[in-house]
N, C-alpha and C. Protein backbone atom coordinates (compact mmCIF):
# COMPACT_ATOMS: atom_id res chain seq x y z
N GLY A 1 83.45 93.42 110.69
CA GLY A 1 83.14 94.15 111.90
C GLY A 1 84.38 94.70 112.60
N VAL A 2 85.55 94.57 112.00
CA VAL A 2 86.78 95.07 112.62
C VAL A 2 87.21 96.34 111.90
N GLY A 3 87.40 97.41 112.66
CA GLY A 3 87.90 98.66 112.08
C GLY A 3 89.41 98.59 111.94
N MET A 4 89.91 98.83 110.73
CA MET A 4 91.35 98.74 110.50
C MET A 4 91.98 100.09 110.19
N GLY A 5 91.18 101.12 109.97
CA GLY A 5 91.75 102.41 109.62
C GLY A 5 92.28 102.40 108.19
N MET A 6 92.78 103.52 107.76
CA MET A 6 93.30 103.67 106.40
C MET A 6 94.76 103.28 106.37
N THR A 7 95.18 102.67 105.28
CA THR A 7 96.58 102.30 105.12
C THR A 7 97.16 103.02 103.90
N ALA A 8 98.46 103.04 103.80
CA ALA A 8 99.11 103.69 102.67
C ALA A 8 100.14 102.73 102.09
N PRO A 9 100.30 102.72 100.81
CA PRO A 9 99.56 103.57 99.87
C PRO A 9 98.20 102.97 99.52
N VAL A 10 97.33 103.84 99.03
CA VAL A 10 96.15 103.38 98.32
C VAL A 10 96.64 103.17 96.89
N SER A 11 96.48 101.96 96.40
CA SER A 11 97.05 101.58 95.12
C SER A 11 95.93 101.28 94.13
N ILE A 12 95.93 102.00 93.03
CA ILE A 12 94.92 101.80 91.99
C ILE A 12 95.61 101.15 90.80
N THR A 13 95.10 100.00 90.38
CA THR A 13 95.62 99.35 89.18
C THR A 13 94.90 99.98 88.00
N ALA A 14 95.66 100.63 87.14
CA ALA A 14 95.11 101.31 85.96
C ALA A 14 95.41 100.49 84.72
N PHE A 15 94.45 100.47 83.82
CA PHE A 15 94.59 99.71 82.57
C PHE A 15 94.57 100.71 81.42
N PRO A 16 95.74 101.01 80.83
CA PRO A 16 95.80 102.04 79.79
C PRO A 16 95.21 101.55 78.47
N ALA A 17 94.54 102.48 77.78
CA ALA A 17 94.06 102.23 76.42
C ALA A 17 95.23 102.47 75.46
N GLU A 18 95.03 102.16 74.20
CA GLU A 18 96.12 102.32 73.22
C GLU A 18 96.61 103.76 73.11
N ASP A 19 95.72 104.74 73.34
CA ASP A 19 96.12 106.15 73.23
C ASP A 19 96.75 106.69 74.51
N GLY A 20 96.91 105.83 75.54
CA GLY A 20 97.51 106.25 76.80
C GLY A 20 96.50 106.65 77.86
N SER A 21 95.26 106.93 77.46
CA SER A 21 94.22 107.25 78.44
C SER A 21 93.90 105.99 79.24
N LEU A 22 93.14 106.14 80.30
CA LEU A 22 92.82 104.99 81.13
C LEU A 22 91.45 104.44 80.80
N GLN A 23 91.36 103.12 80.76
CA GLN A 23 90.06 102.48 80.60
C GLN A 23 89.23 102.72 81.86
N GLN A 24 87.94 102.55 81.76
CA GLN A 24 87.07 102.83 82.88
C GLN A 24 87.17 101.80 84.01
N LYS A 25 87.75 100.63 83.74
CA LYS A 25 87.90 99.65 84.82
C LYS A 25 89.18 99.94 85.60
N VAL A 26 89.09 99.90 86.90
CA VAL A 26 90.23 100.05 87.79
C VAL A 26 90.06 99.08 88.95
N LYS A 27 91.14 98.81 89.63
CA LYS A 27 91.08 98.00 90.85
C LYS A 27 91.78 98.79 91.94
N VAL A 28 91.08 99.02 93.04
CA VAL A 28 91.64 99.76 94.17
C VAL A 28 92.10 98.75 95.21
N SER A 29 93.33 98.90 95.67
CA SER A 29 93.90 97.97 96.66
C SER A 29 94.35 98.74 97.89
N LEU A 30 94.04 98.17 99.04
CA LEU A 30 94.48 98.72 100.32
C LEU A 30 95.30 97.65 101.03
N ARG A 31 96.35 98.06 101.69
CA ARG A 31 97.20 97.12 102.42
C ARG A 31 96.51 96.73 103.71
N ILE A 32 96.50 95.45 103.99
CA ILE A 32 95.96 94.97 105.27
C ILE A 32 97.02 95.24 106.33
N PRO A 33 96.66 95.91 107.44
CA PRO A 33 97.65 96.21 108.48
C PRO A 33 98.37 94.96 109.00
N SER A 34 99.58 95.16 109.47
CA SER A 34 100.46 94.07 109.89
C SER A 34 99.80 93.11 110.87
N GLN A 35 99.07 93.64 111.84
CA GLN A 35 98.49 92.76 112.86
C GLN A 35 97.42 91.83 112.30
N PHE A 36 96.93 92.09 111.08
CA PHE A 36 95.91 91.25 110.45
C PHE A 36 96.47 90.40 109.30
N GLN A 37 97.77 90.53 108.99
CA GLN A 37 98.34 89.85 107.84
C GLN A 37 98.20 88.33 107.92
N ALA A 38 98.48 87.73 109.06
CA ALA A 38 98.46 86.28 109.18
C ALA A 38 97.04 85.72 109.09
N ASN A 39 96.06 86.48 109.56
CA ASN A 39 94.69 86.00 109.58
C ASN A 39 93.74 87.16 109.30
N PRO A 40 93.64 87.61 108.04
CA PRO A 40 92.80 88.77 107.73
C PRO A 40 91.32 88.47 107.97
N PRO A 41 90.56 89.48 108.44
CA PRO A 41 89.13 89.28 108.63
C PRO A 41 88.44 89.04 107.29
N CYS A 42 87.38 88.25 107.32
CA CYS A 42 86.63 87.93 106.10
C CYS A 42 85.77 89.14 105.71
N PRO A 43 85.85 89.60 104.46
CA PRO A 43 85.00 90.71 104.04
C PRO A 43 83.52 90.32 104.07
N SER A 44 82.67 91.24 104.49
CA SER A 44 81.23 90.99 104.51
C SER A 44 80.59 91.39 103.18
N ASP A 45 81.33 92.09 102.33
CA ASP A 45 80.85 92.52 101.02
C ASP A 45 81.50 91.62 99.96
N GLU A 46 80.69 90.98 99.13
CA GLU A 46 81.21 90.04 98.13
C GLU A 46 82.09 90.70 97.07
N SER A 47 81.97 92.01 96.89
CA SER A 47 82.79 92.68 95.88
C SER A 47 84.22 92.93 96.38
N ILE A 48 84.47 92.71 97.66
CA ILE A 48 85.80 92.90 98.25
C ILE A 48 86.50 91.56 98.30
N LYS A 49 87.69 91.51 97.75
CA LYS A 49 88.50 90.29 97.70
C LYS A 49 89.82 90.53 98.43
N ILE A 50 90.30 89.50 99.09
CA ILE A 50 91.63 89.56 99.69
C ILE A 50 92.59 88.85 98.74
N GLU A 51 93.61 89.58 98.31
CA GLU A 51 94.60 89.03 97.39
C GLU A 51 95.99 89.23 97.98
N GLU A 52 96.86 88.30 97.70
CA GLU A 52 98.24 88.45 98.11
C GLU A 52 99.02 88.98 96.91
N ARG A 53 99.64 90.12 97.07
CA ARG A 53 100.44 90.69 95.99
C ARG A 53 101.83 90.09 96.06
N GLN A 54 102.23 89.48 94.98
CA GLN A 54 103.54 88.84 94.91
C GLN A 54 104.65 89.90 94.90
N ALA A 55 105.84 89.49 95.29
CA ALA A 55 106.99 90.38 95.23
C ALA A 55 107.19 90.84 93.79
N MET A 56 107.62 92.06 93.62
CA MET A 56 107.84 92.60 92.28
C MET A 56 108.95 93.63 92.31
N THR A 57 109.55 93.82 91.16
CA THR A 57 110.51 94.91 90.96
C THR A 57 109.79 95.93 90.09
N ILE A 58 109.90 97.19 90.48
CA ILE A 58 109.16 98.23 89.77
C ILE A 58 110.09 99.34 89.27
N TYR A 59 109.61 100.02 88.25
CA TYR A 59 110.16 101.31 87.83
C TYR A 59 109.17 102.33 88.34
N SER A 60 109.66 103.40 88.96
CA SER A 60 108.75 104.32 89.64
C SER A 60 109.13 105.77 89.39
N THR A 61 108.11 106.63 89.45
CA THR A 61 108.33 108.06 89.49
C THR A 61 107.39 108.64 90.53
N GLN A 62 107.81 109.73 91.15
CA GLN A 62 107.06 110.34 92.24
C GLN A 62 106.68 111.77 91.86
N PHE A 63 105.51 112.22 92.33
CA PHE A 63 105.09 113.60 92.11
C PHE A 63 104.18 114.03 93.25
N GLY A 64 103.99 115.33 93.40
CA GLY A 64 103.19 115.87 94.51
C GLY A 64 101.82 116.36 94.07
N GLY A 65 101.13 116.97 95.02
CA GLY A 65 99.83 117.57 94.76
C GLY A 65 98.68 116.58 94.92
N TYR A 66 97.47 117.10 94.69
CA TYR A 66 96.27 116.27 94.69
C TYR A 66 96.19 115.62 93.31
N ALA A 67 96.50 114.35 93.21
CA ALA A 67 96.59 113.67 91.92
C ALA A 67 95.21 113.38 91.35
N LYS A 68 95.06 113.72 90.09
CA LYS A 68 93.86 113.40 89.33
C LYS A 68 94.25 112.41 88.24
N GLU A 69 93.27 111.87 87.55
CA GLU A 69 93.54 110.90 86.49
C GLU A 69 94.52 111.47 85.46
N VAL A 70 94.33 112.71 85.07
CA VAL A 70 95.21 113.31 84.06
C VAL A 70 96.66 113.37 84.55
N ASP A 71 96.86 113.58 85.86
CA ASP A 71 98.22 113.60 86.42
C ASP A 71 98.87 112.22 86.33
N TYR A 72 98.11 111.19 86.70
CA TYR A 72 98.65 109.83 86.61
C TYR A 72 98.98 109.48 85.16
N VAL A 73 98.12 109.84 84.22
CA VAL A 73 98.37 109.56 82.81
C VAL A 73 99.62 110.30 82.33
N ASN A 74 99.74 111.58 82.70
CA ASN A 74 100.91 112.37 82.28
C ASN A 74 102.21 111.84 82.86
N TYR A 75 102.21 111.50 84.15
CA TYR A 75 103.43 110.98 84.76
C TYR A 75 103.77 109.59 84.27
N ALA A 76 102.76 108.79 83.95
CA ALA A 76 103.02 107.48 83.34
C ALA A 76 103.69 107.66 81.98
N ALA A 77 103.24 108.64 81.21
CA ALA A 77 103.85 108.92 79.90
C ALA A 77 105.30 109.39 80.08
N LYS A 78 105.56 110.22 81.10
CA LYS A 78 106.93 110.68 81.37
C LYS A 78 107.82 109.51 81.77
N LEU A 79 107.30 108.61 82.61
CA LEU A 79 108.09 107.45 83.02
C LEU A 79 108.37 106.55 81.82
N LYS A 80 107.37 106.34 81.00
CA LYS A 80 107.55 105.53 79.78
C LYS A 80 108.64 106.14 78.89
N SER A 81 108.60 107.44 78.73
CA SER A 81 109.60 108.13 77.91
C SER A 81 111.00 108.02 78.53
N ALA A 82 111.08 108.17 79.85
CA ALA A 82 112.38 108.08 80.53
C ALA A 82 112.98 106.68 80.41
N LEU A 83 112.13 105.65 80.42
CA LEU A 83 112.63 104.27 80.33
C LEU A 83 113.05 103.90 78.92
N GLY A 84 112.46 104.56 77.92
CA GLY A 84 112.80 104.26 76.53
C GLY A 84 112.37 102.86 76.14
N SER A 85 112.98 102.34 75.12
CA SER A 85 112.57 101.04 74.59
C SER A 85 113.37 99.88 75.18
N GLU A 86 114.39 100.18 75.97
CA GLU A 86 115.27 99.12 76.50
C GLU A 86 114.67 98.39 77.71
N ALA A 87 113.88 99.08 78.52
CA ALA A 87 113.35 98.49 79.75
C ALA A 87 112.14 97.61 79.45
N ALA A 88 112.14 96.41 80.02
CA ALA A 88 111.02 95.48 79.84
C ALA A 88 110.10 95.58 81.05
N TYR A 89 108.86 96.01 80.82
CA TYR A 89 107.88 96.12 81.89
C TYR A 89 106.50 95.83 81.34
N ARG A 90 105.56 95.53 82.23
CA ARG A 90 104.19 95.20 81.84
C ARG A 90 103.54 96.44 81.22
N LYS A 91 102.97 96.28 80.05
CA LYS A 91 102.32 97.40 79.36
C LYS A 91 100.80 97.38 79.53
N ASP A 92 100.25 96.27 80.03
CA ASP A 92 98.80 96.13 80.11
C ASP A 92 98.19 96.76 81.37
N PHE A 93 99.03 97.13 82.34
CA PHE A 93 98.54 97.81 83.53
C PHE A 93 99.71 98.53 84.21
N TYR A 94 99.38 99.45 85.09
CA TYR A 94 100.37 100.05 85.99
C TYR A 94 99.65 100.48 87.26
N PHE A 95 100.43 100.80 88.29
CA PHE A 95 99.86 101.18 89.57
C PHE A 95 99.97 102.68 89.78
N CYS A 96 98.88 103.27 90.25
CA CYS A 96 98.81 104.67 90.66
C CYS A 96 98.67 104.66 92.18
N ASN A 97 99.62 105.24 92.88
CA ASN A 97 99.65 105.15 94.34
C ASN A 97 99.58 106.51 95.00
N GLY A 98 98.75 106.61 96.02
CA GLY A 98 98.65 107.82 96.83
C GLY A 98 98.95 107.47 98.28
N TYR A 99 99.71 108.33 98.94
CA TYR A 99 100.18 108.04 100.30
C TYR A 99 99.55 108.91 101.37
N ASP A 100 98.75 109.90 101.02
CA ASP A 100 98.32 110.88 101.99
C ASP A 100 96.80 110.94 102.16
N PRO A 101 96.36 111.30 103.39
CA PRO A 101 94.92 111.48 103.60
C PRO A 101 94.43 112.72 102.85
N PRO A 102 93.14 112.77 102.52
CA PRO A 102 92.61 113.91 101.75
C PRO A 102 92.81 115.26 102.43
N MET A 103 92.90 115.28 103.75
CA MET A 103 93.01 116.55 104.48
C MET A 103 94.42 117.13 104.48
N LYS A 104 95.39 116.42 103.96
CA LYS A 104 96.77 116.93 103.93
C LYS A 104 96.96 117.81 102.70
N PRO A 105 97.09 119.13 102.89
CA PRO A 105 97.15 120.02 101.72
C PRO A 105 98.54 120.15 101.09
N TYR A 106 99.62 119.94 101.86
CA TYR A 106 100.96 120.18 101.34
C TYR A 106 101.84 118.95 101.54
N GLY A 107 102.86 118.85 100.70
CA GLY A 107 103.83 117.76 100.84
C GLY A 107 103.25 116.40 100.49
N ARG A 108 102.30 116.39 99.57
CA ARG A 108 101.65 115.14 99.19
C ARG A 108 102.57 114.28 98.33
N ARG A 109 102.41 112.96 98.43
CA ARG A 109 103.25 112.04 97.67
C ARG A 109 102.37 111.09 96.86
N ASN A 110 102.66 111.03 95.57
CA ASN A 110 101.99 110.11 94.65
C ASN A 110 103.08 109.44 93.84
N GLU A 111 102.80 108.21 93.38
CA GLU A 111 103.78 107.49 92.58
C GLU A 111 103.08 106.72 91.47
N ILE A 112 103.81 106.54 90.39
CA ILE A 112 103.44 105.62 89.31
C ILE A 112 104.40 104.46 89.39
N TRP A 113 103.88 103.23 89.31
CA TRP A 113 104.73 102.04 89.29
C TRP A 113 104.48 101.25 88.02
N PHE A 114 105.55 100.96 87.29
CA PHE A 114 105.53 100.00 86.18
C PHE A 114 106.20 98.74 86.70
N VAL A 115 105.60 97.59 86.49
CA VAL A 115 106.13 96.32 86.98
C VAL A 115 107.12 95.75 85.96
N LYS A 116 108.34 95.55 86.42
CA LYS A 116 109.40 94.99 85.57
C LYS A 116 109.06 93.56 85.19
N GLU A 117 109.29 93.21 83.91
CA GLU A 117 109.07 91.83 83.45
C GLU A 117 110.29 90.98 83.70
């Protein structure tokens, strides 16, 4: 019953298939605002879970525009190529992040995050 507004980034956990495309399962994560961090409100919908994201080191790339699945897949492939075979990171998932409300037409920010192992 508490309105918290939208937070940024909206973070989607993507699970890549062997060919680089994304599997149909995703997890969407929203940051709980600072004033609710110590005591977050209990979700009334059982499909919503509160999770604490552990500290992590990431490899990241940024791009603009209205991001679609194909954009996230393409930029993930570019990041993978830029990192080469030397960088150790999780291959079973990555994060697709959007920072802007849908009504913002210009100067949009999106990021791909690979979690360092």
